[in-house]
Amino acid sequence: MDELEFLKQDWKRQEADLPVVSTDSIYEMTHKRSSSLMKWLLYVSIFEFVFWTFLNVLGINAEQIDKFKELHLLEFDIVLTIIQYAVLGFFIYCFYKTYKEVETTSSTRKLMKNILRVRKIVNAYVIYNLAMVILVSIVVFVASAAYDPKFDSLYVIDPDGSKHLPLSIIATFTGFILIFTLVIWLFYKLLYGILLKRLKDNYKKLSKLEMEE
């Protein structure tokens, strides 16, 4: 019995020697990590902007422009490029604005709100890009089927003289779109997913702090 009491007292002494982390210290660490994560999200979005700009510049040539004209897609491509840069520019601006707010905030509730806002912005941006991939793929396929001479050999002529693409071609195209969309989704999941997961963990920590206050 005396030995048991000795062990209990020893455990209590060990617990007393452990460092006590205050709520303010936990908030400060979480705030610093969240600010750093949002800074990296900003850097990633800027890198993406530079990356797509490089690809667009690399792909512009007389042959490509003539191909777009042949498919009646030149105006569509110009409008789409403007929209893409506008959306990505807005995306970068939102990240920068949220990052600056997080840097200066001292409120747990505001920090949680900003984390949720960033997650919503990223999710909306990814959904937008996936929708654009599907839309552009369909538009290019339809334009190619209508104006590209290479598609003439793929058409099936009906007895009444009308022609249509066989279901196998449409099914192949649909499968290609799904696979390509999945690849883009995996790209964004890798690009932003890790940072968003860490922000989510920070949000959970802040929620606990909010409940304790």
C-alpha atoms as a PDB file:
ATOM      1  CA  MET A   1       0.000   0.000   0.000  1.00  0.00           C
ATOM      2  CA  ASP A   2       2.827   2.370   0.852  1.00  0.00           C
ATOM      3  CA  GLU A   3       4.506   1.508  -2.449  1.00  0.00           C
ATOM      4  CA  LEU A   4       1.311   2.354  -4.349  1.00  0.00           C
ATOM      5  CA  GLU A   5       1.042   5.724  -2.621  1.00  0.00           C
ATOM      6  CA  PHE A   6       4.683   6.407  -3.459  1.00  0.00           C
ATOM      7  CA  LEU A   7       3.995   5.724  -7.160  1.00  0.00           C
ATOM      8  CA  LYS A   8       0.990   8.062  -7.137  1.00  0.00           C
ATOM      9  CA  GLN A   9       3.024  10.847  -5.596  1.00  0.00           C
ATOM     10  CA  ASP A  10       5.814  10.274  -8.109  1.00  0.00           C
ATOM     11  CA  TRP A  11       3.330  10.533 -11.023  1.00  0.00           C
ATOM     12  CA  LYS A  12       1.963  13.776  -9.613  1.00  0.00           C
ATOM     13  CA  ARG A  13       5.465  15.220  -9.377  1.00  0.00           C
ATOM     14  CA  GLN A  14       6.143  14.255 -13.012  1.00  0.00           C
ATOM     15  CA  GLU A  15       2.897  15.882 -14.150  1.00  0.00           C
ATOM     16  CA  ALA A  16       3.803  19.037 -12.230  1.00  0.00           C
ATOM     17  CA  ASP A  17       7.168  19.174 -14.002  1.00  0.00           C
ATOM     18  CA  LEU A  18       5.551  19.055 -17.488  1.00  0.00           C
ATOM     19  CA  PRO A  19       5.390  22.438 -19.275  1.00  0.00           C
ATOM     20  CA  VAL A  20       1.930  23.987 -19.330  1.00  0.00           C
ATOM     21  CA  VAL A  21       0.984  25.346 -22.734  1.00  0.00           C
ATOM     22  CA  SER A  22      -1.412  28.269 -22.444  1.00  0.00           C
ATOM     23  CA  THR A  23      -4.364  28.910 -24.748  1.00  0.00           C
ATOM     24  CA  ASP A  24      -2.674  32.047 -26.043  1.00  0.00           C
ATOM     25  CA  SER A  25       0.436  30.084 -26.982  1.00  0.00           C
ATOM     26  CA  ILE A  26      -1.609  27.492 -28.869  1.00  0.00           C
ATOM     27  CA  TYR A  27      -3.489  30.243 -30.702  1.00  0.00           C
ATOM     28  CA  GLU A  28      -0.251  32.019 -31.588  1.00  0.00           C
ATOM     29  CA  MET A  29       1.265  28.829 -33.035  1.00  0.00           C
ATOM     30  CA  THR A  30      -1.892  27.984 -34.964  1.00  0.00           C
ATOM     31  CA  HIS A  31      -2.150  31.550 -36.237  1.00  0.00           C
ATOM     32  CA  LYS A  32       1.460  31.455 -37.453  1.00  0.00           C
ATOM     33  CA  ARG A  33       0.957  28.116 -39.216  1.00  0.00           C
ATOM     34  CA  SER A  34      -2.276  29.286 -40.851  1.00  0.00           C
ATOM     35  CA  SER A  35      -0.592  32.458 -42.089  1.00  0.00           C
ATOM     36  CA  SER A  36       2.286  30.423 -43.522  1.00  0.00           C
ATOM     37  CA  LEU A  37      -0.098  27.996 -45.265  1.00  0.00           C
ATOM     38  CA  MET A  38      -2.047  30.844 -46.843  1.00  0.00           C
ATOM     39  CA  LYS A  39       1.198  32.394 -48.023  1.00  0.00           C
ATOM     40  CA  TRP A  40       2.045  29.103 -49.746  1.00  0.00           C
ATOM     41  CA  LEU A  41      -1.413  28.990 -51.330  1.00  0.00           C
ATOM     42  CA  LEU A  42      -0.715  32.466 -52.690  1.00  0.00           C
ATOM     43  CA  TYR A  43       2.644  31.328 -54.067  1.00  0.00           C
ATOM     44  CA  VAL A  44       1.068  28.256 -55.686  1.00  0.00           C
ATOM     45  CA  SER A  45      -1.622  30.355 -57.376  1.00  0.00           C
ATOM     46  CA  ILE A  46       1.034  32.749 -58.722  1.00  0.00           C
ATOM     47  CA  PHE A  47       3.069  29.780 -59.972  1.00  0.00           C
ATOM     48  CA  GLU A  48      -0.025  28.448 -61.731  1.00  0.00           C
ATOM     49  CA  PHE A  49      -0.591  31.847 -63.345  1.00  0.00           C
ATOM     50  CA  VAL A  50       3.000  31.885 -64.666  1.00  0.00           C
ATOM     51  CA  PHE A  51       2.760  28.237 -65.759  1.00  0.00           C
ATOM     52  CA  TRP A  52      -0.402  28.711 -67.857  1.00  0.00           C
ATOM     53  CA  THR A  53       0.987  31.953 -69.310  1.00  0.00           C
ATOM     54  CA  PHE A  54       4.119  30.102 -70.394  1.00  0.00           C
ATOM     55  CA  LEU A  55       2.064  27.341 -72.038  1.00  0.00           C
ATOM     56  CA  ASN A  56      -0.162  29.860 -73.837  1.00  0.00           C
ATOM     57  CA  VAL A  57       2.811  31.820 -75.167  1.00  0.00           C
ATOM     58  CA  LEU A  58       4.534  28.593 -76.190  1.00  0.00           C
ATOM     59  CA  GLY A  59       1.438  27.395 -78.063  1.00  0.00           C
ATOM     60  CA  ILE A  60       0.811  30.585 -80.052  1.00  0.00           C
ATOM     61  CA  ASN A  61       1.962  30.273 -83.665  1.00  0.00           C
ATOM     62  CA  ALA A  62       0.594  30.915 -87.148  1.00  0.00           C
ATOM     63  CA  GLU A  63      -0.335  27.258 -87.663  1.00  0.00           C
ATOM     64  CA  GLN A  64      -2.351  27.144 -84.446  1.00  0.00           C
ATOM     65  CA  ILE A  65      -4.169  30.379 -85.284  1.00  0.00           C
ATOM     66  CA  ASP A  66      -5.036  29.052 -88.767  1.00  0.00           C
ATOM     67  CA  LYS A  67      -6.379  25.858 -87.152  1.00  0.00           C
ATOM     68  CA  PHE A  68      -8.615  27.856 -84.823  1.00  0.00           C
ATOM     69  CA  LYS A  69      -9.874  29.884 -87.789  1.00  0.00           C
ATOM     70  CA  GLU A  70     -10.611  26.684 -89.706  1.00  0.00           C
ATOM     71  CA  LEU A  71     -12.696  25.386 -86.790  1.00  0.00           C
ATOM     72  CA  HIS A  72     -14.324  28.826 -86.229  1.00  0.00           C
ATOM     73  CA  LEU A  73     -12.892  28.853 -82.709  1.00  0.00           C
ATOM     74  CA  LEU A  74     -10.512  31.832 -82.821  1.00  0.00           C
ATOM     75  CA  GLU A  75     -12.953  34.258 -81.151  1.00  0.00           C
ATOM     76  CA  PHE A  76     -13.960  31.556 -78.668  1.00  0.00           C
ATOM     77  CA  ASP A  77     -10.301  30.969 -77.755  1.00  0.00           C
ATOM     78  CA  ILE A  78      -9.641  34.700 -77.261  1.00  0.00           C
ATOM     79  CA  VAL A  79     -12.699  35.151 -75.028  1.00  0.00           C
ATOM     80  CA  LEU A  80     -11.853  31.992 -73.070  1.00  0.00           C
ATOM     81  CA  THR A  81      -8.266  33.156 -72.496  1.00  0.00           C
ATOM     82  CA  ILE A  82      -9.477  36.517 -71.176  1.00  0.00           C
ATOM     83  CA  ILE A  83     -11.943  34.801 -68.833  1.00  0.00           C
ATOM     84  CA  GLN A  84      -9.294  32.372 -67.593  1.00  0.00           C
ATOM     85  CA  TYR A  85      -6.838  35.138 -66.751  1.00  0.00           C
ATOM     86  CA  ALA A  86      -9.575  37.211 -65.110  1.00  0.00           C
ATOM     87  CA  VAL A  87     -10.666  34.282 -62.927  1.00  0.00           C
ATOM     88  CA  LEU A  88      -7.107  33.331 -61.989  1.00  0.00           C
ATOM     89  CA  GLY A  89      -6.281  36.988 -61.259  1.00  0.00           C
ATOM     90  CA  PHE A  90      -9.342  37.221 -58.997  1.00  0.00           C
ATOM     91  CA  PHE A  91      -8.275  33.978 -57.329  1.00  0.00           C
ATOM     92  CA  ILE A  92      -4.804  35.386 -56.584  1.00  0.00           C
ATOM     93  CA  TYR A  93      -6.324  38.637 -55.291  1.00  0.00           C
ATOM     94  CA  CYS A  94      -8.628  36.730 -52.905  1.00  0.00           C
ATOM     95  CA  PHE A  95      -5.685  34.765 -51.537  1.00  0.00           C
ATOM     96  CA  TYR A  96      -3.597  37.890 -51.071  1.00  0.00           C
ATOM     97  CA  LYS A  97      -6.433  39.731 -49.336  1.00  0.00           C
ATOM     98  CA  THR A  98      -7.193  36.809 -47.012  1.00  0.00           C
ATOM     99  CA  TYR A  99      -3.497  36.302 -46.257  1.00  0.00           C
ATOM    100  CA  LYS A 100      -3.094  39.965 -45.234  1.00  0.00           C
ATOM    101  CA  GLU A 101      -6.213  39.732 -43.038  1.00  0.00           C
ATOM    102  CA  VAL A 102      -4.866  36.621 -41.318  1.00  0.00           C
ATOM    103  CA  GLU A 103      -1.525  38.326 -40.690  1.00  0.00           C
ATOM    104  CA  THR A 104      -3.159  41.174 -38.772  1.00  0.00           C
ATOM    105  CA  THR A 105      -6.058  39.443 -37.034  1.00  0.00           C
ATOM    106  CA  SER A 106      -5.948  38.631 -33.338  1.00  0.00           C
ATOM    107  CA  SER A 107      -9.372  37.023 -33.133  1.00  0.00           C
ATOM    108  CA  THR A 108      -9.865  33.262 -33.092  1.00  0.00           C
ATOM    109  CA  ARG A 109     -13.290  33.615 -34.703  1.00  0.00           C
ATOM    110  CA  LYS A 110     -11.957  35.793 -37.545  1.00  0.00           C
ATOM    111  CA  LEU A 111      -9.097  33.391 -38.192  1.00  0.00           C
ATOM    112  CA  MET A 112     -11.549  30.473 -38.386  1.00  0.00           C
ATOM    113  CA  LYS A 113     -13.736  32.497 -40.749  1.00  0.00           C
ATOM    114  CA  ASN A 114     -10.776  33.215 -43.035  1.00  0.00           C
ATOM    115  CA  ILE A 115      -9.772  29.546 -43.111  1.00  0.00           C
ATOM    116  CA  LEU A 116     -13.290  28.585 -44.172  1.00  0.00           C
ATOM    117  CA  ARG A 117     -13.261  31.347 -46.797  1.00  0.00           C
ATOM    118  CA  VAL A 118     -10.009  30.079 -48.305  1.00  0.00           C
ATOM    119  CA  ARG A 119     -11.336  26.519 -48.489  1.00  0.00           C
ATOM    120  CA  LYS A 120     -14.484  27.748 -50.254  1.00  0.00           C
ATOM    121  CA  ILE A 121     -12.447  29.813 -52.730  1.00  0.00           C
ATOM    122  CA  VAL A 122     -10.211  26.871 -53.615  1.00  0.00           C
ATOM    123  CA  ASN A 123     -13.143  24.466 -53.967  1.00  0.00           C
ATOM    124  CA  ALA A 124     -15.020  26.949 -56.175  1.00  0.00           C
ATOM    125  CA  TYR A 125     -11.917  27.483 -58.319  1.00  0.00           C
ATOM    126  CA  VAL A 126     -11.361  23.746 -58.800  1.00  0.00           C
ATOM    127  CA  ILE A 127     -15.017  23.175 -59.705  1.00  0.00           C
ATOM    128  CA  TYR A 128     -14.848  26.082 -62.167  1.00  0.00           C
ATOM    129  CA  ASN A 129     -11.771  24.638 -63.858  1.00  0.00           C
ATOM    130  CA  LEU A 130     -13.249  21.148 -64.108  1.00  0.00           C
ATOM    131  CA  ALA A 131     -16.427  22.619 -65.630  1.00  0.00           C
ATOM    132  CA  MET A 132     -14.336  24.606 -68.123  1.00  0.00           C
ATOM    133  CA  VAL A 133     -12.366  21.492 -69.107  1.00  0.00           C
ATOM    134  CA  ILE A 134     -15.606  19.670 -69.900  1.00  0.00           C
ATOM    135  CA  LEU A 135     -17.112  22.659 -71.723  1.00  0.00           C
ATOM    136  CA  VAL A 136     -14.022  23.357 -73.841  1.00  0.00           C
ATOM    137  CA  SER A 137     -13.629  19.677 -74.708  1.00  0.00           C
ATOM    138  CA  ILE A 138     -17.232  19.478 -75.910  1.00  0.00           C
ATOM    139  CA  VAL A 139     -16.965  22.720 -77.925  1.00  0.00           C
ATOM    140  CA  VAL A 140     -13.719  21.617 -79.608  1.00  0.00           C
ATOM    141  CA  PHE A 141     -15.156  18.174 -80.392  1.00  0.00           C
ATOM    142  CA  VAL A 142     -18.340  19.612 -81.904  1.00  0.00           C
ATOM    143  CA  ALA A 143     -16.386  22.195 -83.943  1.00  0.00           C
ATOM    144  CA  SER A 144     -13.951  19.546 -85.151  1.00  0.00           C
ATOM    145  CA  ALA A 145     -16.778  17.221 -86.150  1.00  0.00           C
ATOM    146  CA  ALA A 146     -18.457  20.040 -88.067  1.00  0.00           C
ATOM    147  CA  TYR A 147     -15.479  21.691 -89.786  1.00  0.00           C
ATOM    148  CA  ASP A 148     -12.418  19.402 -89.685  1.00  0.00           C
ATOM    149  CA  PRO A 149     -12.082  17.386 -92.937  1.00  0.00           C
ATOM    150  CA  LYS A 150     -10.341  14.605 -91.012  1.00  0.00           C
ATOM    151  CA  PHE A 151     -13.693  13.752 -89.413  1.00  0.00           C
ATOM    152  CA  ASP A 152     -15.392  13.074 -92.774  1.00  0.00           C
ATOM    153  CA  SER A 153     -14.161   9.483 -92.878  1.00  0.00           C
ATOM    154  CA  LEU A 154     -15.646   8.819 -89.425  1.00  0.00           C
ATOM    155  CA  TYR A 155     -19.235   9.643 -90.360  1.00  0.00           C
ATOM    156  CA  VAL A 156     -21.810   6.969 -91.099  1.00  0.00           C
ATOM    157  CA  ILE A 157     -24.113   7.679 -94.045  1.00  0.00           C
ATOM    158  CA  ASP A 158     -27.785   6.827 -93.430  1.00  0.00           C
ATOM    159  CA  PRO A 159     -30.080   5.471 -96.179  1.00  0.00           C
ATOM    160  CA  ASP A 160     -31.814   8.854 -96.424  1.00  0.00           C
ATOM    161  CA  GLY A 161     -28.475  10.565 -97.140  1.00  0.00           C
ATOM    162  CA  SER A 162     -27.958  12.102 -93.700  1.00  0.00           C
ATOM    163  CA  LYS A 163     -24.827  11.346 -91.750  1.00  0.00           C
ATOM    164  CA  HIS A 164     -23.926  10.963 -88.101  1.00  0.00           C
ATOM    165  CA  LEU A 165     -21.010   9.930 -85.925  1.00  0.00           C
ATOM    166  CA  PRO A 166     -21.151   6.341 -84.657  1.00  0.00           C
ATOM    167  CA  LEU A 167     -21.788   5.773 -80.974  1.00  0.00           C
ATOM    168  CA  SER A 168     -18.327   4.233 -80.573  1.00  0.00           C
ATOM    169  CA  ILE A 169     -16.702   7.572 -81.499  1.00  0.00           C
ATOM    170  CA  ILE A 170     -18.950   9.495 -79.093  1.00  0.00           C
ATOM    171  CA  ALA A 171     -18.314   6.924 -76.333  1.00  0.00           C
ATOM    172  CA  THR A 172     -14.539   7.171 -76.897  1.00  0.00           C
ATOM    173  CA  PHE A 173     -14.714  10.956 -76.726  1.00  0.00           C
ATOM    174  CA  THR A 174     -16.813  10.819 -73.530  1.00  0.00           C
ATOM    175  CA  GLY A 175     -14.314   8.427 -71.940  1.00  0.00           C
ATOM    176  CA  PHE A 176     -11.446  10.723 -72.915  1.00  0.00           C
ATOM    177  CA  ILE A 177     -13.181  13.714 -71.293  1.00  0.00           C
ATOM    178  CA  LEU A 178     -13.788  11.784 -68.072  1.00  0.00           C
ATOM    179  CA  ILE A 179     -10.172  10.584 -67.884  1.00  0.00           C
ATOM    180  CA  PHE A 180      -8.773  14.038 -68.681  1.00  0.00           C
ATOM    181  CA  THR A 181     -11.074  15.661 -66.103  1.00  0.00           C
ATOM    182  CA  LEU A 182      -9.944  13.113 -63.515  1.00  0.00           C
ATOM    183  CA  VAL A 183      -6.293  13.920 -64.274  1.00  0.00           C
ATOM    184  CA  ILE A 184      -6.966  17.645 -63.826  1.00  0.00           C
ATOM    185  CA  TRP A 185      -8.808  16.951 -60.549  1.00  0.00           C
ATOM    186  CA  LEU A 186      -5.871  14.883 -59.268  1.00  0.00           C
ATOM    187  CA  PHE A 187      -3.513  17.693 -60.305  1.00  0.00           C
ATOM    188  CA  TYR A 188      -5.445  20.249 -58.237  1.00  0.00           C
ATOM    189  CA  LYS A 189      -5.855  17.812 -55.360  1.00  0.00           C
ATOM    190  CA  LEU A 190      -2.079  17.422 -55.249  1.00  0.00           C
ATOM    191  CA  LEU A 191      -1.451  21.131 -55.812  1.00  0.00           C
ATOM    192  CA  TYR A 192      -3.844  22.485 -53.168  1.00  0.00           C
ATOM    193  CA  GLY A 193      -5.060  19.428 -51.226  1.00  0.00           C
ATOM    194  CA  ILE A 194      -2.125  19.113 -48.828  1.00  0.00           C
ATOM    195  CA  LEU A 195      -2.254  22.788 -47.846  1.00  0.00           C
ATOM    196  CA  LEU A 196      -6.046  22.677 -47.421  1.00  0.00           C
ATOM    197  CA  LYS A 197      -5.805  19.589 -45.222  1.00  0.00           C
ATOM    198  CA  ARG A 198      -3.363  21.364 -42.913  1.00  0.00           C
ATOM    199  CA  LEU A 199      -5.638  24.397 -42.795  1.00  0.00           C
ATOM    200  CA  LYS A 200      -8.502  22.085 -41.866  1.00  0.00           C
ATOM    201  CA  ASP A 201      -6.434  20.680 -38.985  1.00  0.00           C
ATOM    202  CA  ASN A 202      -5.758  24.229 -37.808  1.00  0.00           C
ATOM    203  CA  TYR A 203      -9.464  24.991 -37.970  1.00  0.00           C
ATOM    204  CA  LYS A 204     -10.192  22.012 -35.705  1.00  0.00           C
ATOM    205  CA  LYS A 205      -7.637  23.248 -33.170  1.00  0.00           C
ATOM    206  CA  LEU A 206      -9.153  26.722 -33.220  1.00  0.00           C
ATOM    207  CA  SER A 207     -12.639  25.240 -32.745  1.00  0.00           C
ATOM    208  CA  LYS A 208     -11.449  23.531 -29.567  1.00  0.00           C
ATOM    209  CA  LEU A 209      -9.936  26.781 -28.321  1.00  0.00           C
ATOM    210  CA  GLU A 210     -13.199  28.590 -29.069  1.00  0.00           C
ATOM    211  CA  MET A 211     -15.147  26.030 -27.040  1.00  0.00           C
ATOM    212  CA  GLU A 212     -12.756  26.324 -24.107  1.00  0.00           C
ATOM    213  CA  GLU A 213     -13.010  30.118 -23.941  1.00  0.00           C
END
